[in-house]
Amino acid sequence: MHEVQFNGEPMLLHLEFQKKSDPEMGQRLLEYNMIGMLTYKLPVWSCVL
């Protein structure tokens, strides 16, 4: 995760690279988002590429 600015507001950007389908991707993204929000008190935007 990287802290970035969007429309002048701080947020965390989570980028994940994936080569094949992963049925657990949704759960993992949810966990990363919750950890980021609870730890840094910032919104998290996730993107899987």
PDB file of N, CA and C in Angstrom:
ATOM      1  N   MET A   1       0.836  -1.166   0.000  1.00  0.00           N
ATOM      2  CA  MET A   1       0.000   0.000   0.000  1.00  0.00           C
ATOM      3  C   MET A   1       0.885   1.234   0.000  1.00  0.00           C
ATOM      4  N   HIS A   2       0.385   2.258  -0.691  1.00  0.00           N
ATOM      5  CA  HIS A   2       1.101   3.529  -0.772  1.00  0.00           C
ATOM      6  C   HIS A   2       0.140   4.649  -0.412  1.00  0.00           C
ATOM      7  N   GLU A   3       0.620   5.600   0.374  1.00  0.00           N
ATOM      8  CA  GLU A   3      -0.209   6.761   0.686  1.00  0.00           C
ATOM      9  C   GLU A   3      -0.123   7.733  -0.484  1.00  0.00           C
ATOM     10  N   VAL A   4      -1.271   8.148  -0.978  1.00  0.00           N
ATOM     11  CA  VAL A   4      -1.363   9.073  -2.106  1.00  0.00           C
ATOM     12  C   VAL A   4      -2.401  10.150  -1.768  1.00  0.00           C
ATOM     13  N   GLN A   5      -2.487  11.143  -2.628  1.00  0.00           N
ATOM     14  CA  GLN A   5      -3.496  12.196  -2.506  1.00  0.00           C
ATOM     15  C   GLN A   5      -4.490  12.038  -3.651  1.00  0.00           C
ATOM     16  N   PHE A   6      -5.768  12.147  -3.346  1.00  0.00           N
ATOM     17  CA  PHE A   6      -6.810  12.129  -4.368  1.00  0.00           C
ATOM     18  C   PHE A   6      -7.760  13.273  -4.062  1.00  0.00           C
ATOM     19  N   ASN A   7      -7.867  14.199  -4.997  1.00  0.00           N
ATOM     20  CA  ASN A   7      -8.675  15.413  -4.778  1.00  0.00           C
ATOM     21  C   ASN A   7      -8.257  16.127  -3.496  1.00  0.00           C
ATOM     22  N   GLY A   8      -6.955  16.128  -3.239  1.00  0.00           N
ATOM     23  CA  GLY A   8      -6.420  16.819  -2.072  1.00  0.00           C
ATOM     24  C   GLY A   8      -6.567  16.080  -0.759  1.00  0.00           C
ATOM     25  N   GLU A   9      -7.100  14.874  -0.783  1.00  0.00           N
ATOM     26  CA  GLU A   9      -7.314  14.090   0.438  1.00  0.00           C
ATOM     27  C   GLU A   9      -6.366  12.885   0.469  1.00  0.00           C
ATOM     28  N   PRO A  10      -5.785  12.580   1.642  1.00  0.00           N
ATOM     29  CA  PRO A  10      -4.912  11.410   1.734  1.00  0.00           C
ATOM     30  C   PRO A  10      -5.722  10.119   1.689  1.00  0.00           C
ATOM     31  N   MET A  11      -5.129   9.114   1.090  1.00  0.00           N
ATOM     32  CA  MET A  11      -5.740   7.785   1.034  1.00  0.00           C
ATOM     33  C   MET A  11      -4.632   6.775   0.800  1.00  0.00           C
ATOM     34  N   LEU A  12      -4.964   5.508   0.939  1.00  0.00           N
ATOM     35  CA  LEU A  12      -4.017   4.440   0.651  1.00  0.00           C
ATOM     36  C   LEU A  12      -4.407   3.783  -0.663  1.00  0.00           C
ATOM     37  N   LEU A  13      -3.423   3.560  -1.509  1.00  0.00           N
ATOM     38  CA  LEU A  13      -3.633   2.874  -2.779  1.00  0.00           C
ATOM     39  C   LEU A  13      -3.001   1.492  -2.671  1.00  0.00           C
ATOM     40  N   HIS A  14      -3.817   0.479  -2.904  1.00  0.00           N
ATOM     41  CA  HIS A  14      -3.356  -0.909  -2.832  1.00  0.00           C
ATOM     42  C   HIS A  14      -3.420  -1.490  -4.236  1.00  0.00           C
ATOM     43  N   LEU A  15      -2.260  -1.796  -4.798  1.00  0.00           N
ATOM     44  CA  LEU A  15      -2.182  -2.422  -6.118  1.00  0.00           C
ATOM     45  C   LEU A  15      -1.723  -3.857  -5.942  1.00  0.00           C
ATOM     46  N   GLU A  16      -2.394  -4.761  -6.633  1.00  0.00           N
ATOM     47  CA  GLU A  16      -2.009  -6.168  -6.580  1.00  0.00           C
ATOM     48  C   GLU A  16      -1.979  -6.706  -8.003  1.00  0.00           C
ATOM     49  N   PHE A  17      -0.909  -7.400  -8.322  1.00  0.00           N
ATOM     50  CA  PHE A  17      -0.747  -7.979  -9.649  1.00  0.00           C
ATOM     51  C   PHE A  17      -1.046  -9.470  -9.569  1.00  0.00           C
ATOM     52  N   GLN A  18      -1.791  -9.960 -10.548  1.00  0.00           N
ATOM     53  CA  GLN A  18      -2.246 -11.348 -10.520  1.00  0.00           C
ATOM     54  C   GLN A  18      -2.102 -11.949 -11.915  1.00  0.00           C
ATOM     55  N   LYS A  19      -1.556 -13.156 -11.974  1.00  0.00           N
ATOM     56  CA  LYS A  19      -1.383 -13.832 -13.262  1.00  0.00           C
ATOM     57  C   LYS A  19      -2.519 -14.783 -13.591  1.00  0.00           C
ATOM     58  N   LYS A  20      -3.195 -15.305 -12.582  1.00  0.00           N
ATOM     59  CA  LYS A  20      -4.279 -16.251 -12.836  1.00  0.00           C
ATOM     60  C   LYS A  20      -5.418 -16.010 -11.852  1.00  0.00           C
ATOM     61  N   SER A  21      -6.543 -16.607 -12.119  1.00  0.00           N
ATOM     62  CA  SER A  21      -7.724 -16.448 -11.277  1.00  0.00           C
ATOM     63  C   SER A  21      -7.449 -16.951  -9.859  1.00  0.00           C
ATOM     64  N   ASP A  22      -7.945 -16.206  -8.888  1.00  0.00           N
ATOM     65  CA  ASP A  22      -7.764 -16.575  -7.487  1.00  0.00           C
ATOM     66  C   ASP A  22      -9.109 -16.446  -6.780  1.00  0.00           C
ATOM     67  N   PRO A  23      -9.731 -17.555  -6.414  1.00  0.00           N
ATOM     68  CA  PRO A  23     -11.046 -17.493  -5.780  1.00  0.00           C
ATOM     69  C   PRO A  23     -11.038 -16.793  -4.420  1.00  0.00           C
ATOM     70  N   GLU A  24      -9.872 -16.619  -3.821  1.00  0.00           N
ATOM     71  CA  GLU A  24      -9.783 -15.964  -2.514  1.00  0.00           C
ATOM     72  C   GLU A  24      -9.407 -14.487  -2.610  1.00  0.00           C
ATOM     73  N   MET A  25      -9.365 -13.953  -3.830  1.00  0.00           N
ATOM     74  CA  MET A  25      -8.947 -12.562  -4.018  1.00  0.00           C
ATOM     75  C   MET A  25      -9.853 -11.591  -3.266  1.00  0.00           C
ATOM     76  N   GLY A  26     -11.153 -11.768  -3.340  1.00  0.00           N
ATOM     77  CA  GLY A  26     -12.082 -10.867  -2.669  1.00  0.00           C
ATOM     78  C   GLY A  26     -11.854 -10.810  -1.170  1.00  0.00           C
ATOM     79  N   GLN A  27     -11.658 -11.957  -0.562  1.00  0.00           N
ATOM     80  CA  GLN A  27     -11.400 -12.026   0.881  1.00  0.00           C
ATOM     81  C   GLN A  27     -10.098 -11.316   1.222  1.00  0.00           C
ATOM     82  N   ARG A  28      -9.063 -11.547   0.420  1.00  0.00           N
ATOM     83  CA  ARG A  28      -7.766 -10.924   0.677  1.00  0.00           C
ATOM     84  C   ARG A  28      -7.863  -9.395   0.556  1.00  0.00           C
ATOM     85  N   LEU A  29      -8.565  -8.907  -0.462  1.00  0.00           N
ATOM     86  CA  LEU A  29      -8.730  -7.459  -0.625  1.00  0.00           C
ATOM     87  C   LEU A  29      -9.472  -6.865   0.572  1.00  0.00           C
ATOM     88  N   LEU A  30     -10.507  -7.547   1.031  1.00  0.00           N
ATOM     89  CA  LEU A  30     -11.250  -7.078   2.199  1.00  0.00           C
ATOM     90  C   LEU A  30     -10.337  -6.990   3.415  1.00  0.00           C
ATOM     91  N   GLU A  31      -9.508  -8.010   3.625  1.00  0.00           N
ATOM     92  CA  GLU A  31      -8.599  -8.008   4.769  1.00  0.00           C
ATOM     93  C   GLU A  31      -7.602  -6.860   4.673  1.00  0.00           C
ATOM     94  N   TYR A  32      -7.005  -6.651   3.497  1.00  0.00           N
ATOM     95  CA  TYR A  32      -6.041  -5.562   3.325  1.00  0.00           C
ATOM     96  C   TYR A  32      -6.705  -4.211   3.550  1.00  0.00           C
ATOM     97  N   ASN A  33      -7.931  -4.050   3.057  1.00  0.00           N
ATOM     98  CA  ASN A  33      -8.648  -2.790   3.237  1.00  0.00           C
ATOM     99  C   ASN A  33      -8.940  -2.535   4.715  1.00  0.00           C
ATOM    100  N   MET A  34      -9.380  -3.542   5.421  1.00  0.00           N
ATOM    101  CA  MET A  34      -9.689  -3.372   6.844  1.00  0.00           C
ATOM    102  C   MET A  34      -8.425  -3.073   7.649  1.00  0.00           C
ATOM    103  N   ILE A  35      -7.354  -3.779   7.364  1.00  0.00           N
ATOM    104  CA  ILE A  35      -6.091  -3.533   8.072  1.00  0.00           C
ATOM    105  C   ILE A  35      -5.614  -2.109   7.809  1.00  0.00           C
ATOM    106  N   GLY A  36      -5.665  -1.668   6.560  1.00  0.00           N
ATOM    107  CA  GLY A  36      -5.241  -0.311   6.219  1.00  0.00           C
ATOM    108  C   GLY A  36      -6.086   0.741   6.898  1.00  0.00           C
ATOM    109  N   MET A  37      -7.397   0.559   6.886  1.00  0.00           N
ATOM    110  CA  MET A  37      -8.298   1.531   7.505  1.00  0.00           C
ATOM    111  C   MET A  37      -8.097   1.589   9.019  1.00  0.00           C
ATOM    112  N   LEU A  38      -7.972   0.441   9.654  1.00  0.00           N
ATOM    113  CA  LEU A  38      -7.818   0.408  11.109  1.00  0.00           C
ATOM    114  C   LEU A  38      -6.445   0.906  11.556  1.00  0.00           C
ATOM    115  N   THR A  39      -5.412   0.596  10.789  1.00  0.00           N
ATOM    116  CA  THR A  39      -4.053   0.975  11.167  1.00  0.00           C
ATOM    117  C   THR A  39      -3.764   2.441  10.886  1.00  0.00           C
ATOM    118  N   TYR A  40      -4.136   2.911   9.697  1.00  0.00           N
ATOM    119  CA  TYR A  40      -3.752   4.255   9.263  1.00  0.00           C
ATOM    120  C   TYR A  40      -4.896   5.261   9.289  1.00  0.00           C
ATOM    121  N   LYS A  41      -6.103   4.793   9.563  1.00  0.00           N
ATOM    122  CA  LYS A  41      -7.282   5.679   9.619  1.00  0.00           C
ATOM    123  C   LYS A  41      -7.476   6.452   8.314  1.00  0.00           C
ATOM    124  N   LEU A  42      -7.224   5.763   7.193  1.00  0.00           N
ATOM    125  CA  LEU A  42      -7.392   6.351   5.868  1.00  0.00           C
ATOM    126  C   LEU A  42      -8.221   5.410   5.006  1.00  0.00           C
ATOM    127  N   PRO A  43      -8.967   5.960   4.046  1.00  0.00           N
ATOM    128  CA  PRO A  43      -9.668   5.089   3.107  1.00  0.00           C
ATOM    129  C   PRO A  43      -8.659   4.356   2.227  1.00  0.00           C
ATOM    130  N   VAL A  44      -9.041   3.180   1.772  1.00  0.00           N
ATOM    131  CA  VAL A  44      -8.169   2.354   0.935  1.00  0.00           C
ATOM    132  C   VAL A  44      -8.859   2.090  -0.391  1.00  0.00           C
ATOM    133  N   TRP A  45      -8.148   2.317  -1.473  1.00  0.00           N
ATOM    134  CA  TRP A  45      -8.627   1.946  -2.808  1.00  0.00           C
ATOM    135  C   TRP A  45      -7.753   0.810  -3.303  1.00  0.00           C
ATOM    136  N   SER A  46      -8.372  -0.295  -3.680  1.00  0.00           N
ATOM    137  CA  SER A  46      -7.645  -1.460  -4.174  1.00  0.00           C
ATOM    138  C   SER A  46      -7.868  -1.625  -5.665  1.00  0.00           C
ATOM    139  N   CYS A  47      -6.821  -2.100  -6.328  1.00  0.00           N
ATOM    140  CA  CYS A  47      -6.907  -2.374  -7.763  1.00  0.00           C
ATOM    141  C   CYS A  47      -6.102  -3.636  -8.046  1.00  0.00           C
ATOM    142  N   VAL A  48      -6.741  -4.604  -8.685  1.00  0.00           N
ATOM    143  CA  VAL A  48      -6.062  -5.840  -9.071  1.00  0.00           C
ATOM    144  C   VAL A  48      -5.785  -5.765 -10.566  1.00  0.00           C
ATOM    145  N   LEU A  49      -4.541  -5.925 -10.920  1.00  0.00           N
ATOM    146  CA  LEU A  49      -4.123  -5.874 -12.324  1.00  0.00           C
ATOM    147  C   LEU A  49      -3.698  -7.248 -12.794  1.00  0.00           C
TER     148      LEU A  49
END
